[in-house]
Amino acid sequence: MINVRISSVRLIELHGTLDNNPSAAPAPQSRPISVYDEFHTTLSGRPNALGTERKTSLYLEIGTTTGVIGRYGPLGPEVLGALREGGIARTLLGLDPMATTYIWDLLHRANRHSRHGARKIAISAVDNTLWDLRGRLLGAPVWQLLGGAGRTRIPAYASTLGTAHDGDEVERVATRLLDEGFTAQKWFFADGPGQDVDGMERNVGLVERTRESVGTRSALMFDAFMSWDLAYARSWCRRVEHLRPDWLEEPFPPGAVPSYAQLRASTTIPLASGEHLYDRLDLLPFLQQGLTSVVQTDPEWCGGVTDLVRMCALAEPYGVPVIPHGHGLHAALHVVASQSPEVCPRVEYLFRSMPNRHHFELSPPSPEGGTFALPTADGFGIELAESRIEKSVDVIGES
């Protein structure tokens, strides 16, 4: 028995500089707000000239009476208010950090708004940090605590958010990713119903261009980011069904269950959803009604490792694989490693943003040949590169 208690909770903000970093123009992505022309992004998303850029990141650290510290990040700014004003940080003091299920349930029950939004994201941050802490206390990576792994390498699909669509950039990037060993890649639509006929032609053309570039050697997925309506989605599906897209992701908001049901009944193209389903009760009707072919819940938004594992168990009897949304890598990679390849076949890798996102880490996960090596460090293995940290500020410090 490990006799240990939580003695401190810190949310630290790291400041540094990205050298020779190309600042990107707005990504070519159709968003829900794209129904208004003045908020629609450009088609290019091309990087501007090389230069320096200020970088800040948030990491949560939970300390213990043994001196061992758990760490997780980088985190979004949503966690700040819930951890501080919401009282989560102070609630953790004195608790047993090994009791992750109890702490998860305690935080979930403590506030009526815990199922969604900023509080759920903060609960996810705490849960993931506690899993890292458990790994450090027990001297094992998180995937081993979750039951071990049957694979030495974890496949990834390349997510192309931020890639230009003009010129021959689509063809160049699609071919490059295939050559780098990625056997699946996801592309983001630049247009929705607000861009009328021209936008539809560009969205159909994106499928034609990528399929012509990779042939049948790569799976191709496409993300509409909740910006379409049913008529538009049906029209696109009819136009591209013969090109065999491997999934259409989030054509509608997650609450639009009737639209998902009607589209599912009218096309053979698989539908994917889940990154904006933050609760098992949200996910259940998608599974029961066969509305999604892939579950994409995000361990940094849906309740952390603890609840992502539960969602894997929920999806498995329905034969629906879980491929976590790639907002972050650490938690998703370890959960996928611990599951059967049938349950969790791969992870998502946003190849343009991940290196800068993990700028302050010594050895962040990095794929080779389209796969990740099985992590070996204790916990999540998140160690900070002190040489890159120009300033560190405790925005929350409870002890």
Protein backbone atom coordinates (compact mmCIF):
# COMPACT_ATOMS: atom_id res chain seq x y z
CA MET A 1 0.00 0.00 0.00
CA ILE A 2 1.30 3.44 -0.96
CA ASN A 3 0.69 6.02 1.76
CA VAL A 4 0.60 9.32 -0.12
CA ARG A 5 -1.51 12.48 -0.20
CA ILE A 6 -1.82 15.45 -2.51
CA SER A 7 0.09 18.37 -0.99
CA SER A 8 0.12 20.97 -3.77
CA VAL A 9 -1.60 21.95 -7.01
CA ARG A 10 0.13 24.31 -9.42
CA LEU A 11 -0.89 25.58 -12.83
CA ILE A 12 2.24 27.01 -14.36
CA GLU A 13 2.44 29.27 -17.40
CA LEU A 14 5.62 28.91 -19.42
CA HIS A 15 6.92 31.66 -21.69
CA GLY A 16 9.43 31.32 -24.48
CA THR A 17 10.24 32.05 -28.11
CA LEU A 18 9.75 30.02 -31.26
CA ASP A 19 12.72 30.82 -33.50
CA ASN A 20 12.35 30.81 -37.28
CA ASN A 21 8.71 29.91 -36.92
CA PRO A 22 6.50 30.62 -39.94
CA SER A 23 3.34 32.26 -38.66
CA ALA A 24 0.45 30.77 -40.60
CA ALA A 25 -2.33 32.63 -42.33
CA PRO A 26 -5.87 31.54 -41.35
CA ALA A 27 -6.29 27.83 -41.95
CA PRO A 28 -8.51 26.86 -44.88
CA GLN A 29 -11.28 25.41 -42.76
CA SER A 30 -15.03 25.74 -42.95
CA ARG A 31 -16.36 26.49 -39.48
CA PRO A 32 -19.87 26.86 -38.07
CA ILE A 33 -19.47 30.62 -38.26
CA SER A 34 -18.57 30.38 -41.97
CA VAL A 35 -22.24 30.89 -42.84
CA TYR A 36 -21.31 34.58 -42.48
CA ASP A 37 -18.93 35.65 -45.24
CA GLU A 38 -17.07 38.15 -43.06
CA PHE A 39 -15.94 35.32 -40.77
CA HIS A 40 -14.97 32.84 -43.49
CA THR A 41 -11.27 31.95 -43.64
CA THR A 42 -9.10 32.11 -46.74
CA LEU A 43 -8.24 29.20 -49.00
CA SER A 44 -4.50 29.38 -48.69
CA GLY A 45 -3.43 29.06 -45.07
CA ARG A 46 0.10 29.50 -46.36
CA PRO A 47 2.81 30.34 -43.80
CA ASN A 48 4.10 33.88 -43.78
CA ALA A 49 7.81 34.71 -43.75
CA LEU A 50 10.02 33.02 -41.17
CA GLY A 51 10.37 34.90 -37.91
CA THR A 52 10.21 34.65 -34.14
CA GLU A 53 7.00 34.21 -32.24
CA ARG A 54 6.17 34.39 -28.55
CA LYS A 55 5.00 31.09 -27.08
CA THR A 56 3.08 30.42 -23.87
CA SER A 57 1.86 27.08 -22.53
CA LEU A 58 0.02 25.90 -19.43
CA TYR A 59 0.97 22.76 -17.47
CA LEU A 60 -0.73 21.36 -14.39
CA GLU A 61 1.46 19.91 -11.65
CA ILE A 62 0.14 17.96 -8.66
CA GLY A 63 2.60 17.44 -5.83
CA THR A 64 2.52 14.83 -3.07
CA THR A 65 3.75 14.24 0.47
CA THR A 66 6.36 11.85 -0.99
CA GLY A 67 7.87 14.60 -3.13
CA VAL A 68 6.80 12.97 -6.40
CA ILE A 69 5.06 15.38 -8.82
CA GLY A 70 2.64 14.55 -11.62
CA ARG A 71 2.47 16.76 -14.71
CA TYR A 72 0.21 17.19 -17.71
CA GLY A 73 -0.03 19.64 -20.58
CA PRO A 74 0.00 21.73 -22.56
CA LEU A 75 -3.52 22.77 -21.55
CA GLY A 76 -6.02 25.22 -22.96
CA PRO A 77 -6.89 28.45 -21.11
CA GLU A 78 -10.34 27.04 -20.24
CA VAL A 79 -8.86 25.17 -17.28
CA LEU A 80 -7.87 28.31 -15.36
CA GLY A 81 -11.26 29.49 -14.16
CA ALA A 82 -12.56 26.05 -13.20
CA LEU A 83 -9.39 25.13 -11.32
CA ARG A 84 -9.24 28.41 -9.42
CA GLU A 85 -12.67 30.04 -9.14
CA GLY A 86 -14.42 26.66 -9.45
CA GLY A 87 -12.48 25.40 -6.45
CA ILE A 88 -11.13 22.24 -8.05
CA ALA A 89 -7.50 22.91 -7.11
CA ARG A 90 -8.22 23.40 -3.41
CA THR A 91 -10.58 20.40 -3.33
CA LEU A 92 -7.68 18.12 -4.31
CA LEU A 93 -5.49 18.96 -1.30
CA GLY A 94 -5.18 16.07 1.15
CA LEU A 95 -6.74 13.48 -1.16
CA ASP A 96 -5.16 10.15 -2.10
CA PRO A 97 -3.80 10.62 -5.66
CA MET A 98 -4.03 6.87 -6.27
CA ALA A 99 -7.82 7.08 -5.96
CA THR A 100 -8.33 8.45 -9.46
CA THR A 101 -11.82 6.97 -9.91
CA TYR A 102 -12.99 8.47 -6.62
CA ILE A 103 -11.50 11.88 -7.41
CA TRP A 104 -13.04 11.84 -10.90
CA ASP A 105 -16.46 11.06 -9.44
CA LEU A 106 -16.06 13.62 -6.67
CA LEU A 107 -15.24 16.44 -9.09
CA HIS A 108 -17.97 15.35 -11.49
CA ARG A 109 -20.64 15.36 -8.77
CA ALA A 110 -19.52 18.60 -7.13
CA ASN A 111 -20.98 20.91 -9.78
CA ARG A 112 -24.11 20.69 -11.90
CA HIS A 113 -22.17 21.84 -14.99
CA SER A 114 -19.46 19.18 -14.80
CA ARG A 115 -20.66 17.19 -17.80
CA HIS A 116 -19.53 19.75 -20.39
CA GLY A 117 -17.53 22.88 -21.03
CA ALA A 118 -14.64 24.40 -19.12
CA ARG A 119 -15.24 22.42 -15.95
CA LYS A 120 -15.11 19.10 -17.84
CA ILE A 121 -11.89 20.21 -19.51
CA ALA A 122 -10.44 21.04 -16.08
CA ILE A 123 -11.53 17.65 -14.70
CA SER A 124 -9.79 16.07 -17.70
CA ALA A 125 -6.59 17.96 -16.87
CA VAL A 126 -6.69 16.78 -13.26
CA ASP A 127 -7.41 13.19 -14.25
CA ASN A 128 -4.59 13.06 -16.78
CA THR A 129 -2.17 14.63 -14.31
CA LEU A 130 -3.12 12.05 -11.69
CA TRP A 131 -2.48 9.22 -14.17
CA ASP A 132 0.97 10.67 -14.81
CA LEU A 133 1.52 10.88 -11.06
CA ARG A 134 0.46 7.26 -10.56
CA GLY A 135 2.92 6.19 -13.25
CA ARG A 136 5.74 8.08 -11.56
CA LEU A 137 4.85 6.66 -8.13
CA LEU A 138 4.74 3.09 -9.48
CA GLY A 139 7.60 3.43 -11.96
CA ALA A 140 5.60 2.54 -15.08
CA PRO A 141 4.21 4.24 -18.19
CA VAL A 142 0.48 4.94 -18.15
CA TRP A 143 -0.28 2.38 -20.87
CA GLN A 144 1.14 -0.32 -18.61
CA LEU A 145 -1.10 0.77 -15.73
CA LEU A 146 -4.05 0.48 -18.11
CA GLY A 147 -3.36 -3.18 -18.81
CA GLY A 148 -0.28 -3.28 -20.99
CA ALA A 149 0.15 -3.20 -24.76
CA GLY A 150 0.09 -5.78 -27.52
CA ARG A 151 1.93 -3.53 -29.96
CA THR A 152 5.41 -2.04 -30.00
CA ARG A 153 4.41 0.76 -32.38
CA ILE A 154 1.15 2.71 -32.63
CA PRO A 155 -0.08 3.71 -36.11
CA ALA A 156 -1.09 7.33 -36.72
CA TYR A 157 -3.04 9.14 -39.37
CA ALA A 158 -1.80 12.51 -40.55
CA SER A 159 -4.17 15.41 -39.99
CA THR A 160 -3.54 18.24 -42.45
CA LEU A 161 -5.16 21.21 -40.68
CA GLY A 162 -3.47 24.42 -41.83
CA THR A 163 -2.46 23.09 -45.26
CA ALA A 164 -3.05 25.36 -48.23
CA HIS A 165 -5.52 24.24 -50.89
CA ASP A 166 -4.35 26.49 -53.70
CA GLY A 167 -1.80 25.72 -56.40
CA ASP A 168 -0.50 22.16 -56.20
CA GLU A 169 -0.15 22.17 -52.40
CA VAL A 170 -2.81 19.51 -51.84
CA GLU A 171 -1.16 17.11 -54.28
CA ARG A 172 2.31 17.81 -52.90
CA VAL A 173 1.35 17.29 -49.24
CA ALA A 174 -0.80 14.20 -49.91
CA THR A 175 2.07 12.54 -51.75
CA ARG A 176 4.63 13.57 -49.14
CA LEU A 177 2.60 12.12 -46.27
CA LEU A 178 2.22 8.85 -48.12
CA ASP A 179 5.95 8.74 -48.77
CA GLU A 180 6.60 9.38 -45.06
CA GLY A 181 4.71 6.22 -44.17
CA PHE A 182 1.26 7.52 -43.22
CA THR A 183 -1.33 5.10 -44.56
CA ALA A 184 -4.21 7.46 -43.73
CA GLN A 185 -4.65 11.22 -43.91
CA LYS A 186 -7.40 13.68 -43.08
CA TRP A 187 -8.25 16.86 -44.95
CA PHE A 188 -10.34 19.84 -43.89
CA PHE A 189 -12.94 21.47 -46.07
CA ALA A 190 -12.53 25.15 -46.79
CA ASP A 191 -16.19 25.77 -47.59
CA GLY A 192 -19.75 25.12 -46.54
CA PRO A 193 -23.29 26.13 -47.56
CA GLY A 194 -22.44 29.82 -47.20
CA GLN A 195 -20.01 29.59 -50.11
CA ASP A 196 -22.66 28.29 -52.52
CA VAL A 197 -21.85 26.45 -55.77
CA ASP A 198 -18.20 27.48 -55.98
CA GLY A 199 -17.57 26.20 -52.49
CA MET A 200 -19.19 22.86 -53.26
CA GLU A 201 -16.98 22.47 -56.33
CA ARG A 202 -13.91 23.11 -54.21
CA ASN A 203 -15.05 20.58 -51.60
CA VAL A 204 -15.68 17.94 -54.27
CA GLY A 205 -12.40 18.85 -55.92
CA LEU A 206 -10.51 18.28 -52.66
CA VAL A 207 -11.60 14.62 -52.68
CA GLU A 208 -10.75 14.24 -56.36
CA ARG A 209 -7.30 15.79 -55.93
CA THR A 210 -6.32 13.75 -52.90
CA ARG A 211 -7.62 10.46 -54.30
CA GLU A 212 -5.76 11.04 -57.56
CA SER A 213 -2.58 11.76 -55.57
CA VAL A 214 -2.59 8.69 -53.32
CA GLY A 215 -4.71 6.21 -55.29
CA THR A 216 -5.74 3.29 -53.12
CA ARG A 217 -2.52 3.33 -51.09
CA SER A 218 -3.92 5.60 -48.37
CA ALA A 219 -7.18 6.04 -46.50
CA LEU A 220 -8.68 9.51 -46.98
CA MET A 221 -10.87 11.21 -44.40
CA PHE A 222 -12.57 14.61 -44.56
CA ASP A 223 -13.64 16.99 -41.78
CA ALA A 224 -16.54 19.46 -42.10
CA PHE A 225 -16.25 20.78 -38.51
CA MET A 226 -19.98 21.05 -37.82
CA SER A 227 -20.43 23.64 -40.61
CA TRP A 228 -22.79 21.84 -43.02
CA ASP A 229 -26.52 21.21 -43.17
CA LEU A 230 -28.28 18.00 -44.23
CA ALA A 231 -29.02 19.00 -47.82
CA TYR A 232 -25.44 20.15 -48.40
CA ALA A 233 -23.99 16.97 -46.88
CA ARG A 234 -26.25 14.75 -48.99
CA SER A 235 -25.24 16.58 -52.15
CA TRP A 236 -21.52 16.25 -51.39
CA CYS A 237 -21.91 12.56 -50.56
CA ARG A 238 -23.66 11.85 -53.86
CA ARG A 239 -20.89 13.62 -55.77
CA VAL A 240 -17.96 11.80 -54.15
CA GLU A 241 -19.30 8.42 -53.04
CA HIS A 242 -17.57 6.69 -55.96
CA LEU A 243 -14.20 8.01 -54.70
CA ARG A 244 -14.63 6.05 -51.46
CA PRO A 245 -13.89 8.56 -48.70
CA ASP A 246 -13.08 6.61 -45.54
CA TRP A 247 -15.18 8.95 -43.43
CA LEU A 248 -16.97 12.27 -43.32
CA GLU A 249 -16.32 13.88 -39.97
CA GLU A 250 -18.74 16.06 -38.02
CA PRO A 251 -20.88 17.44 -40.83
CA PHE A 252 -23.33 18.68 -38.15
CA PRO A 253 -23.21 19.82 -34.52
CA PRO A 254 -23.30 16.88 -32.09
CA GLY A 255 -26.86 17.67 -31.01
CA ALA A 256 -28.20 17.26 -34.55
CA VAL A 257 -29.00 13.57 -34.06
CA PRO A 258 -31.87 13.53 -36.62
CA SER A 259 -29.58 14.93 -39.31
CA TYR A 260 -26.94 12.31 -38.56
CA ALA A 261 -29.60 9.60 -38.76
CA GLN A 262 -30.96 10.81 -42.10
CA LEU A 263 -27.51 11.20 -43.65
CA ARG A 264 -26.41 7.80 -42.35
CA ALA A 265 -29.42 6.23 -44.06
CA SER A 266 -28.75 7.90 -47.39
CA THR A 267 -25.03 7.29 -47.99
CA THR A 268 -22.47 4.51 -47.83
CA ILE A 269 -19.77 6.96 -46.71
CA PRO A 270 -18.92 6.25 -43.04
CA LEU A 271 -19.59 9.08 -40.59
CA ALA A 272 -17.22 9.98 -37.76
CA SER A 273 -18.01 12.03 -34.69
CA GLY A 274 -17.16 12.43 -31.04
CA GLU A 275 -14.64 15.16 -30.31
CA HIS A 276 -17.52 17.37 -29.17
CA LEU A 277 -19.26 14.58 -27.29
CA TYR A 278 -17.95 15.17 -23.78
CA ASP A 279 -19.96 12.58 -21.89
CA ARG A 280 -20.86 8.90 -22.14
CA LEU A 281 -24.54 9.83 -22.18
CA ASP A 282 -23.84 12.03 -25.23
CA LEU A 283 -22.07 9.17 -26.97
CA LEU A 284 -24.62 6.45 -26.24
CA PRO A 285 -27.33 7.44 -28.80
CA PHE A 286 -24.70 7.66 -31.55
CA LEU A 287 -23.79 4.04 -30.80
CA GLN A 288 -27.30 2.74 -30.20
CA GLN A 289 -28.65 4.28 -33.42
CA GLY A 290 -25.60 3.43 -35.52
CA LEU A 291 -24.95 7.10 -36.31
CA THR A 292 -21.17 6.98 -36.26
CA SER A 293 -18.62 4.54 -37.66
CA VAL A 294 -15.76 6.03 -35.65
CA VAL A 295 -15.74 7.51 -32.12
CA GLN A 296 -13.38 10.48 -31.73
CA THR A 297 -13.73 11.54 -28.11
CA ASP A 298 -10.85 13.63 -26.80
CA PRO A 299 -9.17 12.67 -23.49
CA GLU A 300 -8.37 16.33 -22.81
CA TRP A 301 -12.04 17.30 -23.11
CA CYS A 302 -14.17 14.23 -22.25
CA GLY A 303 -12.95 13.46 -18.73
CA GLY A 304 -9.37 12.32 -19.15
CA VAL A 305 -7.89 8.85 -19.41
CA THR A 306 -10.41 7.52 -16.88
CA ASP A 307 -13.45 8.27 -19.00
CA LEU A 308 -11.84 7.65 -22.38
CA VAL A 309 -11.18 4.05 -21.28
CA ARG A 310 -14.83 3.76 -20.26
CA MET A 311 -15.89 5.06 -23.67
CA CYS A 312 -13.71 2.45 -25.34
CA ALA A 313 -15.53 -0.22 -23.34
CA LEU A 314 -18.86 1.36 -24.31
CA ALA A 315 -18.04 1.42 -28.04
CA GLU A 316 -16.52 -2.07 -28.28
CA PRO A 317 -19.78 -4.09 -28.13
CA TYR A 318 -21.13 -2.01 -31.02
CA GLY A 319 -18.08 -2.77 -33.15
CA VAL A 320 -17.24 0.93 -33.44
CA PRO A 321 -13.53 1.79 -33.18
CA VAL A 322 -12.27 4.66 -31.04
CA ILE A 323 -9.68 6.95 -32.64
CA PRO A 324 -9.26 9.83 -30.18
CA HIS A 325 -9.33 13.40 -31.41
CA GLY A 326 -5.78 14.70 -31.73
CA HIS A 327 -5.98 17.96 -29.77
CA GLY A 328 -3.16 16.51 -27.65
CA LEU A 329 -1.01 13.41 -27.86
CA HIS A 330 0.03 12.10 -24.48
CA ALA A 331 -3.21 10.71 -23.04
CA ALA A 332 -4.53 9.55 -26.40
CA LEU A 333 -1.34 7.69 -27.28
CA HIS A 334 -1.25 5.77 -24.00
CA VAL A 335 -4.93 4.82 -24.08
CA VAL A 336 -4.68 3.62 -27.68
CA ALA A 337 -1.56 1.63 -26.82
CA SER A 338 -3.42 -0.15 -24.02
CA GLN A 339 -6.35 -1.23 -26.19
CA SER A 340 -6.80 -3.90 -28.84
CA PRO A 341 -6.04 -2.66 -32.38
CA GLU A 342 -9.65 -3.50 -33.16
CA VAL A 343 -10.89 -1.13 -30.46
CA CYS A 344 -8.29 1.64 -31.01
CA PRO A 345 -6.57 1.17 -34.36
CA ARG A 346 -4.57 4.42 -34.43
CA VAL A 347 -4.07 7.96 -33.15
CA GLU A 348 -4.45 11.32 -34.89
CA TYR A 349 -1.34 13.44 -35.54
CA LEU A 350 -1.68 17.09 -36.55
CA PHE A 351 1.71 17.26 -38.16
CA ARG A 352 1.76 21.05 -38.61
CA SER A 353 0.87 22.05 -35.06
CA MET A 354 2.13 19.32 -32.72
CA PRO A 355 5.87 20.18 -32.74
CA ASN A 356 5.18 23.79 -31.71
CA ARG A 357 2.45 22.75 -29.29
CA HIS A 358 4.96 20.67 -27.33
CA HIS A 359 7.75 23.24 -27.65
CA PHE A 360 8.62 23.25 -23.93
CA GLU A 361 8.99 19.46 -23.64
CA LEU A 362 12.27 17.58 -23.84
CA SER A 363 11.09 14.51 -25.74
CA PRO A 364 7.53 14.93 -27.02
CA PRO A 365 5.96 12.08 -28.99
CA SER A 366 7.11 12.15 -32.59
CA PRO A 367 6.17 9.65 -35.31
CA GLU A 368 8.58 7.81 -37.56
CA GLY A 369 7.34 6.08 -40.68
CA GLY A 370 3.76 6.96 -39.79
CA THR A 371 3.86 5.27 -36.37
CA PHE A 372 4.78 6.11 -32.77
CA ALA A 373 7.12 3.99 -30.68
CA LEU A 374 5.59 2.67 -27.49
CA PRO A 375 6.48 5.20 -24.72
CA THR A 376 8.82 3.86 -22.05
CA ALA A 377 9.12 6.67 -19.47
CA ASP A 378 7.20 6.65 -16.20
CA GLY A 379 3.74 8.22 -16.38
CA PHE A 380 3.43 10.19 -19.58
CA GLY A 381 7.12 11.06 -19.51
CA ILE A 382 6.52 14.80 -19.78
CA GLU A 383 9.76 16.55 -18.84
CA LEU A 384 10.26 20.26 -19.41
CA ALA A 385 13.16 21.71 -21.40
CA GLU A 386 14.45 24.36 -19.01
CA SER A 387 16.62 25.93 -21.71
CA ARG A 388 13.50 26.91 -23.67
CA ILE A 389 11.68 28.44 -20.71
CA GLU A 390 12.36 32.17 -20.45
CA LYS A 391 9.85 32.70 -17.66
CA SER A 392 7.62 30.48 -15.52
CA VAL A 393 4.64 31.91 -13.65
CA ASP A 394 2.42 30.16 -11.13
CA VAL A 395 -1.07 31.24 -12.19
CA ILE A 396 -2.49 28.86 -9.56
CA GLY A 397 -0.59 27.76 -6.48
CA GLU A 398 -2.42 25.80 -3.76
CA SER A 399 -0.67 24.02 -0.92
